[in-house]
C-alpha cells in the first residue's frame, strides 16, 4: 500500500494512498493538517514542535510520525503497520507501508 504524497504548492498536499482511497491533506494555518482519506476515515495531523507529528486517523488507529533528520519520516500507524515516509528534494513524499 504505497502512498505518493505530492505537494502541488506550499500548502495543500494530495496523497494518493491507493486507486480507491485518495486523500486531500490541507494545511490549516501553520501547525495543523487535516487529511480526509475517505468519508469514514478522516485524519487530523497535528505538528507537535518541529520534529514530531501526531496523526490520528481514527480512534483505533493513531500514528506517531517522527521526523528523522531532515529527509525521512517514520510513521508508526500501529504495531503491525509501520510506515516509512521518505521525502525527496522536490517536496514530494513517498510513503511505503511495510508489514
Protein backbone atom coordinates (compact mmCIF):
# COMPACT_ATOMS: atom_id res chain seq x y z
CA UNK A 1 0.00 0.00 0.00
CA UNK A 2 2.29 2.78 -1.18
CA UNK A 3 1.31 6.41 -0.94
CA UNK A 4 2.62 9.22 -3.08
CA UNK A 5 2.10 12.50 -1.28
CA UNK A 6 2.71 15.29 -3.73
CA UNK A 7 2.74 18.91 -2.61
CA UNK A 8 1.41 20.99 -5.54
CA UNK A 9 2.46 24.26 -3.91
CA UNK A 10 3.43 25.25 -0.39
CA UNK A 11 0.22 24.46 1.47
CA UNK A 12 -2.06 21.69 0.20
CA UNK A 13 -0.91 18.13 -0.39
CA UNK A 14 -2.63 15.46 -2.42
CA UNK A 15 -1.90 11.99 -1.02
CA UNK A 16 -2.88 9.07 -3.20
CA UNK A 17 -2.85 6.04 -0.94
CA UNK A 18 -4.44 3.72 -3.47
CA UNK A 19 -6.67 3.93 -6.51
CA UNK A 20 -9.72 3.70 -4.27
CA UNK A 21 -8.51 5.83 -1.34
CA UNK A 22 -7.24 9.30 -2.28
CA UNK A 23 -6.52 11.82 0.43
CA UNK A 24 -6.50 15.58 0.26
CA UNK A 25 -4.28 16.94 3.01
CA UNK A 26 -4.97 20.61 3.52
CA UNK A 27 -2.73 22.61 5.81
CA UNK A 28 -4.80 24.77 8.14
CA UNK A 29 -2.65 27.58 9.41
CA UNK A 30 0.94 26.65 10.16
CA UNK A 31 0.71 23.74 12.58
CA UNK A 32 -2.29 21.59 11.70
CA UNK A 33 -3.06 19.38 8.71
CA UNK A 34 -6.47 17.92 8.02
CA UNK A 35 -6.24 14.76 5.91
CA UNK A 36 -9.52 13.44 4.55
CA UNK A 37 -8.81 9.91 3.40
CA UNK A 38 -12.44 8.97 2.89
CA UNK A 39 -15.84 9.89 4.25
CA UNK A 40 -15.38 7.35 7.02
CA UNK A 41 -11.68 7.88 7.78
CA UNK A 42 -10.61 11.47 8.39
CA UNK A 43 -7.23 12.21 9.89
CA UNK A 44 -6.16 15.21 11.91
CA UNK A 45 -2.38 15.53 11.75
CA UNK A 46 -1.11 17.94 14.37
CA UNK A 47 2.51 19.03 14.34
CA UNK A 48 3.99 18.89 17.83
CA UNK A 49 7.04 21.12 17.91
CA UNK A 50 9.27 20.88 14.86
CA UNK A 51 10.21 17.21 14.64
CA UNK A 52 7.18 15.15 15.61
CA UNK A 53 3.75 14.81 14.04
CA UNK A 54 0.87 13.02 15.70
CA UNK A 55 -1.62 11.74 13.13
CA UNK A 56 -4.91 10.45 14.49
CA UNK A 57 -6.53 8.52 11.66
CA UNK A 58 -9.28 7.05 13.83
CA UNK A 59 -9.88 6.28 17.48
CA UNK A 60 -8.39 2.84 16.95
CA UNK A 61 -5.54 3.80 14.62
CA UNK A 62 -3.27 6.57 15.89
CA UNK A 63 0.00 7.29 14.15
CA UNK A 64 3.14 8.86 15.54
CA UNK A 65 5.18 10.31 12.69
CA UNK A 66 8.68 11.14 13.86
CA UNK A 67 10.98 13.11 11.61
CA UNK A 68 14.45 11.56 11.49
CA UNK A 69 16.90 14.17 10.32
CA UNK A 70 15.54 16.35 7.54
CA UNK A 71 14.51 13.92 4.82
CA UNK A 72 12.97 10.85 6.42
CA UNK A 73 9.81 10.39 8.44
CA UNK A 74 8.97 7.22 10.33
CA UNK A 75 5.22 6.82 10.77
CA UNK A 76 4.08 4.15 13.21
CA UNK A 77 0.39 3.59 12.50
CA UNK A 78 0.14 0.52 14.71
CA UNK A 79 2.35 -2.26 15.99
CA UNK A 80 1.52 -4.25 12.88
CA UNK A 81 1.56 -1.43 10.33
CA UNK A 82 4.65 0.79 10.36
CA UNK A 83 5.22 3.21 7.52
CA UNK A 84 8.42 4.78 6.30
CA UNK A 85 7.76 8.09 4.58
CA UNK A 86 10.74 9.23 2.56
CA UNK A 87 10.75 12.85 1.44
CA UNK A 88 12.53 13.73 -1.77
CA UNK A 89 14.15 17.06 -2.56
CA UNK A 90 11.28 18.06 -4.83
CA UNK A 91 8.79 18.45 -1.96
CA UNK A 92 7.20 15.08 -2.60
CA UNK A 93 6.94 12.20 -0.18
CA UNK A 94 6.76 8.54 -0.98
CA UNK A 95 5.27 6.58 1.91
CA UNK A 96 5.85 2.85 1.77
CA UNK A 97 3.96 0.71 4.25
CA UNK A 98 5.79 -2.38 5.45
CA UNK A 99 4.28 -5.40 7.20
